[in-house]
N, C-alpha and C. Protein backbone atom coordinates (compact mmCIF):
# COMPACT_ATOMS: atom_id res chain seq x y z
N MET A 1 -151.41 7.96 10.71
CA MET A 1 -150.42 7.52 11.68
C MET A 1 -149.23 8.15 11.20
N SER A 2 -148.33 8.71 11.87
CA SER A 2 -147.07 9.48 11.24
C SER A 2 -146.13 8.35 10.87
N LYS A 3 -144.86 8.54 10.22
CA LYS A 3 -144.08 7.81 9.75
C LYS A 3 -143.42 7.42 11.10
N ALA A 4 -143.06 8.19 12.07
CA ALA A 4 -142.53 8.03 13.13
C ALA A 4 -142.87 6.72 14.34
N ARG A 5 -144.35 6.79 13.92
CA ARG A 5 -145.42 5.93 14.97
C ARG A 5 -145.62 4.51 13.92
N GLU A 6 -145.19 4.40 12.83
CA GLU A 6 -145.31 3.00 12.22
C GLU A 6 -144.38 2.35 13.05
N THR A 7 -144.75 0.88 12.93
CA THR A 7 -143.73 0.04 13.51
C THR A 7 -143.02 -0.82 12.36
N ALA A 8 -141.89 -1.04 12.48
CA ALA A 8 -141.05 -1.94 11.61
C ALA A 8 -141.41 -3.24 11.85
N GLU A 9 -140.65 -4.35 11.09
CA GLU A 9 -140.79 -5.63 11.71
C GLU A 9 -140.00 -5.89 12.92
N GLY A 10 -140.59 -6.78 13.86
CA GLY A 10 -140.25 -7.07 15.19
C GLY A 10 -140.88 -6.33 16.22
N GLY A 11 -141.75 -5.28 15.81
CA GLY A 11 -142.49 -4.22 16.59
C GLY A 11 -141.38 -2.90 16.98
N ALA A 12 -140.68 -2.79 16.34
CA ALA A 12 -139.93 -1.73 16.93
C ALA A 12 -140.10 -0.45 16.00
N GLU A 13 -140.31 0.56 16.52
CA GLU A 13 -140.67 1.71 16.07
C GLU A 13 -139.84 2.13 14.97
N ALA A 14 -140.27 2.38 13.78
CA ALA A 14 -139.59 2.57 12.56
C ALA A 14 -138.66 3.97 12.70
N ILE A 15 -137.42 4.01 12.00
CA ILE A 15 -136.45 5.42 12.33
C ILE A 15 -137.39 6.31 11.35
N PRO A 16 -137.64 7.80 11.79
CA PRO A 16 -137.72 8.65 11.08
C PRO A 16 -136.88 8.94 9.86
N ALA A 17 -137.16 9.56 8.79
CA ALA A 17 -136.56 9.77 7.52
C ALA A 17 -135.43 10.81 8.03
N ASP A 18 -135.90 11.99 8.89
CA ASP A 18 -134.81 13.00 9.46
C ASP A 18 -133.61 12.07 10.12
N ILE A 19 -133.88 11.15 10.97
CA ILE A 19 -132.63 10.46 11.59
C ILE A 19 -131.94 9.62 10.63
N ALA A 20 -132.74 8.80 9.79
CA ALA A 20 -131.95 7.71 9.02
C ALA A 20 -131.05 8.61 7.84
N ALA A 21 -131.36 9.71 7.77
CA ALA A 21 -130.36 10.58 6.74
C ALA A 21 -129.16 11.28 7.47
N MET A 22 -129.01 11.19 8.73
CA MET A 22 -128.06 11.74 9.68
C MET A 22 -126.71 10.77 9.61
N SER A 23 -125.72 11.25 9.42
CA SER A 23 -124.40 10.70 9.69
C SER A 23 -124.48 9.75 11.07
N PHE A 24 -123.47 9.11 11.22
CA PHE A 24 -123.30 8.68 12.67
C PHE A 24 -122.98 9.85 13.70
N GLU A 25 -122.10 10.49 13.12
CA GLU A 25 -121.41 11.74 13.93
C GLU A 25 -122.59 12.74 14.27
N ALA A 26 -123.26 13.04 13.45
CA ALA A 26 -124.57 13.70 13.58
C ALA A 26 -125.57 13.49 14.57
N ALA A 27 -126.01 12.06 14.64
CA ALA A 27 -126.73 11.36 15.33
C ALA A 27 -126.24 11.38 16.95
N LEU A 28 -125.00 11.06 16.92
CA LEU A 28 -124.28 11.03 17.97
C LEU A 28 -124.29 12.27 18.89
N LYS A 29 -124.23 13.47 18.20
CA LYS A 29 -124.19 14.93 18.68
C LYS A 29 -125.57 15.10 19.25
N ALA A 30 -126.82 14.71 18.38
CA ALA A 30 -128.19 15.09 18.65
C ALA A 30 -128.57 14.09 20.16
N LEU A 31 -128.05 13.05 19.95
CA LEU A 31 -127.97 11.98 21.29
C LEU A 31 -127.40 12.68 22.32
N ASP A 32 -126.40 13.08 22.58
CA ASP A 32 -125.73 13.90 23.29
C ASP A 32 -126.30 14.95 23.98
N GLU A 33 -126.95 15.89 22.93
CA GLU A 33 -127.78 17.04 23.34
C GLU A 33 -129.18 16.88 23.98
N ILE A 34 -129.59 15.40 23.70
CA ILE A 34 -130.88 15.20 24.28
C ILE A 34 -130.56 14.82 25.83
N VAL A 35 -129.44 13.98 25.90
CA VAL A 35 -129.13 13.35 26.93
C VAL A 35 -128.66 14.48 28.22
N GLY A 36 -128.29 15.82 27.80
CA GLY A 36 -127.93 16.83 28.36
C GLY A 36 -129.32 17.46 29.04
N LYS A 37 -130.26 18.06 27.78
CA LYS A 37 -131.41 18.32 28.33
C LYS A 37 -132.19 17.26 29.28
N LEU A 38 -132.27 16.24 29.10
CA LEU A 38 -133.07 15.36 30.25
C LEU A 38 -132.25 15.36 31.60
N GLU A 39 -130.85 15.53 31.52
CA GLU A 39 -129.94 15.59 32.80
C GLU A 39 -130.24 16.74 33.41
N SER A 40 -130.42 17.90 32.61
CA SER A 40 -130.52 19.28 33.15
C SER A 40 -131.85 19.13 34.03
N GLY A 41 -132.97 18.61 34.04
CA GLY A 41 -133.95 18.26 34.71
C GLY A 41 -135.06 19.79 34.56
N ARG A 42 -134.60 20.45 33.47
CA ARG A 42 -135.46 21.63 33.25
C ARG A 42 -136.32 21.39 32.19
N VAL A 43 -136.76 20.22 31.76
CA VAL A 43 -137.80 19.85 30.62
C VAL A 43 -139.06 19.36 31.37
N ASP A 44 -140.28 19.86 30.98
CA ASP A 44 -141.39 19.20 31.49
C ASP A 44 -141.70 17.77 31.22
N LEU A 45 -142.58 17.10 31.89
CA LEU A 45 -142.79 15.61 31.79
C LEU A 45 -143.04 15.22 30.27
N GLU A 46 -143.69 15.99 29.57
CA GLU A 46 -144.13 15.64 28.30
C GLU A 46 -142.96 15.55 27.22
N GLU A 47 -142.35 17.13 27.48
CA GLU A 47 -140.94 17.02 26.51
C GLU A 47 -140.18 16.12 27.07
N SER A 48 -139.93 15.80 28.13
CA SER A 48 -138.85 14.71 28.58
C SER A 48 -139.30 13.15 28.06
N ILE A 49 -140.71 13.01 27.85
CA ILE A 49 -140.93 11.63 27.06
C ILE A 49 -140.69 11.56 25.77
N ALA A 50 -141.13 12.78 25.33
CA ALA A 50 -140.80 13.12 23.63
C ALA A 50 -138.93 12.84 23.35
N LEU A 51 -138.56 13.84 24.19
CA LEU A 51 -136.82 13.47 24.22
C LEU A 51 -136.55 12.06 24.37
N TYR A 52 -136.80 11.42 25.29
CA TYR A 52 -136.60 9.84 25.49
C TYR A 52 -136.53 9.06 24.32
N GLY A 53 -137.88 9.05 23.92
CA GLY A 53 -138.10 8.47 22.60
C GLY A 53 -137.41 8.77 21.19
N ARG A 54 -136.94 9.97 20.95
CA ARG A 54 -136.10 10.40 20.02
C ARG A 54 -134.79 9.95 20.37
N GLY A 55 -134.40 10.10 21.56
CA GLY A 55 -133.20 9.58 22.08
C GLY A 55 -133.04 7.93 21.58
N ALA A 56 -133.91 7.24 21.89
CA ALA A 56 -133.92 5.94 21.55
C ALA A 56 -133.80 5.64 20.31
N LEU A 57 -134.54 6.33 19.55
CA LEU A 57 -134.37 6.16 18.14
C LEU A 57 -132.90 6.64 17.50
N LEU A 58 -132.47 7.70 18.13
CA LEU A 58 -130.99 8.16 17.53
C LEU A 58 -130.10 6.94 18.05
N ARG A 59 -130.17 6.05 19.28
CA ARG A 59 -129.41 5.23 19.74
C ARG A 59 -129.36 4.14 18.47
N ARG A 60 -130.81 3.74 18.35
CA ARG A 60 -130.91 2.49 17.31
C ARG A 60 -130.06 2.78 15.84
N HIS A 61 -130.16 4.07 15.51
CA HIS A 61 -129.61 4.56 14.18
C HIS A 61 -128.30 4.45 14.46
N CYS A 62 -127.50 4.85 15.53
CA CYS A 62 -126.04 4.73 15.72
C CYS A 62 -125.66 3.37 15.87
N GLU A 63 -126.28 2.61 16.41
CA GLU A 63 -126.14 1.10 16.76
C GLU A 63 -125.89 0.63 15.21
N ALA A 64 -126.93 0.73 14.26
CA ALA A 64 -127.15 0.16 12.79
C ALA A 64 -125.87 0.66 12.04
N LYS A 65 -125.41 1.91 12.46
CA LYS A 65 -124.26 2.38 11.69
C LYS A 65 -123.20 1.95 11.95
N LEU A 66 -123.02 1.48 13.34
CA LEU A 66 -121.73 0.97 13.67
C LEU A 66 -121.72 -0.59 13.26
N LYS A 67 -122.85 -1.35 13.38
CA LYS A 67 -122.95 -2.66 12.83
C LYS A 67 -122.65 -2.71 11.25
N ALA A 68 -122.99 -1.63 10.63
CA ALA A 68 -122.89 -1.62 9.25
C ALA A 68 -121.45 -1.58 9.20
N ALA A 69 -120.84 -0.73 9.51
CA ALA A 69 -119.03 -0.25 9.63
C ALA A 69 -118.48 -1.64 10.07
N GLU A 70 -118.87 -2.24 11.07
CA GLU A 70 -118.28 -3.72 11.37
C GLU A 70 -118.12 -4.51 10.22
N GLU A 71 -119.29 -4.99 9.57
CA GLU A 71 -119.53 -5.94 8.57
C GLU A 71 -118.47 -5.76 7.32
N LYS A 72 -118.31 -4.09 7.25
CA LYS A 72 -117.24 -3.75 6.10
C LYS A 72 -115.78 -3.78 6.35
N ILE A 73 -115.67 -3.97 7.83
CA ILE A 73 -114.08 -4.13 7.94
C ILE A 73 -113.61 -5.49 7.94
N GLU A 74 -112.36 -5.92 7.56
CA GLU A 74 -111.85 -7.26 7.40
C GLU A 74 -110.71 -7.35 8.17
N LYS A 75 -110.68 -8.43 8.91
CA LYS A 75 -109.45 -8.33 9.69
C LYS A 75 -108.23 -9.20 8.93
N ILE A 76 -107.27 -8.60 8.75
CA ILE A 76 -106.12 -9.26 8.37
C ILE A 76 -105.64 -10.52 8.95
N VAL A 77 -105.43 -11.70 8.50
CA VAL A 77 -105.09 -12.92 9.10
C VAL A 77 -103.62 -12.95 8.63
N VAL A 78 -102.92 -13.41 9.76
CA VAL A 78 -101.39 -13.44 9.39
C VAL A 78 -100.98 -14.77 9.60
N GLY A 79 -100.06 -15.28 8.69
CA GLY A 79 -99.77 -16.68 8.79
C GLY A 79 -98.67 -17.04 9.57
N ALA A 80 -98.40 -18.36 9.64
CA ALA A 80 -97.33 -18.56 10.90
C ALA A 80 -95.92 -18.09 10.29
N ASP A 81 -95.47 -17.89 9.10
CA ASP A 81 -94.60 -17.29 8.74
C ASP A 81 -94.47 -15.59 8.76
N GLY A 82 -95.43 -14.95 9.44
CA GLY A 82 -95.46 -13.86 9.27
C GLY A 82 -96.16 -12.94 8.42
N GLN A 83 -96.26 -13.58 7.26
CA GLN A 83 -96.80 -12.82 6.30
C GLN A 83 -98.68 -13.02 6.34
N ALA A 84 -99.01 -11.97 5.59
CA ALA A 84 -100.37 -11.82 5.26
C ALA A 84 -100.76 -13.05 4.81
N ALA A 85 -102.12 -13.75 5.30
CA ALA A 85 -102.28 -15.02 4.69
C ALA A 85 -103.76 -15.10 4.17
N GLY A 86 -104.41 -13.71 4.30
CA GLY A 86 -105.70 -13.38 3.95
C GLY A 86 -106.59 -12.39 4.73
N THR A 87 -107.86 -12.65 4.37
CA THR A 87 -108.63 -11.99 5.37
C THR A 87 -109.85 -12.61 5.70
N GLN A 88 -110.26 -12.02 7.08
CA GLN A 88 -111.66 -12.84 7.60
C GLN A 88 -112.69 -11.77 8.04
N PRO A 89 -114.09 -11.80 8.07
CA PRO A 89 -114.54 -10.67 8.54
C PRO A 89 -114.22 -10.33 9.96
N PHE A 90 -114.35 -9.08 10.31
CA PHE A 90 -114.05 -8.60 11.60
C PHE A 90 -115.24 -8.95 12.77
N LYS A 91 -114.95 -9.33 13.86
CA LYS A 91 -115.79 -9.65 14.86
C LYS A 91 -115.36 -8.82 16.11
N ALA A 92 -116.08 -7.92 16.77
CA ALA A 92 -115.85 -7.17 17.90
C ALA A 92 -115.65 -8.22 19.02
N ASP A 93 -114.80 -8.32 20.08
CA ASP A 93 -114.88 -9.10 21.18
C ASP A 93 -115.69 -8.49 22.35
């Protein structure tokens, strides 16, 4: 069984090493290219299925990169006197 077909915990397909090594920007660009190909309607059914699967993996990778970045960002807390009173973890609204 290939690495791309192995499942990770929770039953989700494991992210292949080539995708895992991509930066957020590279993965987003690859995902955009896949969307363009699928939207063009110029790929056959089998290729469309393969592209869709790779696109789903790229999307998961991008989401994981964003979540990791959010966890590193700290929000500066301003006290009543207008001075920085410390930090707290960032939470997206």
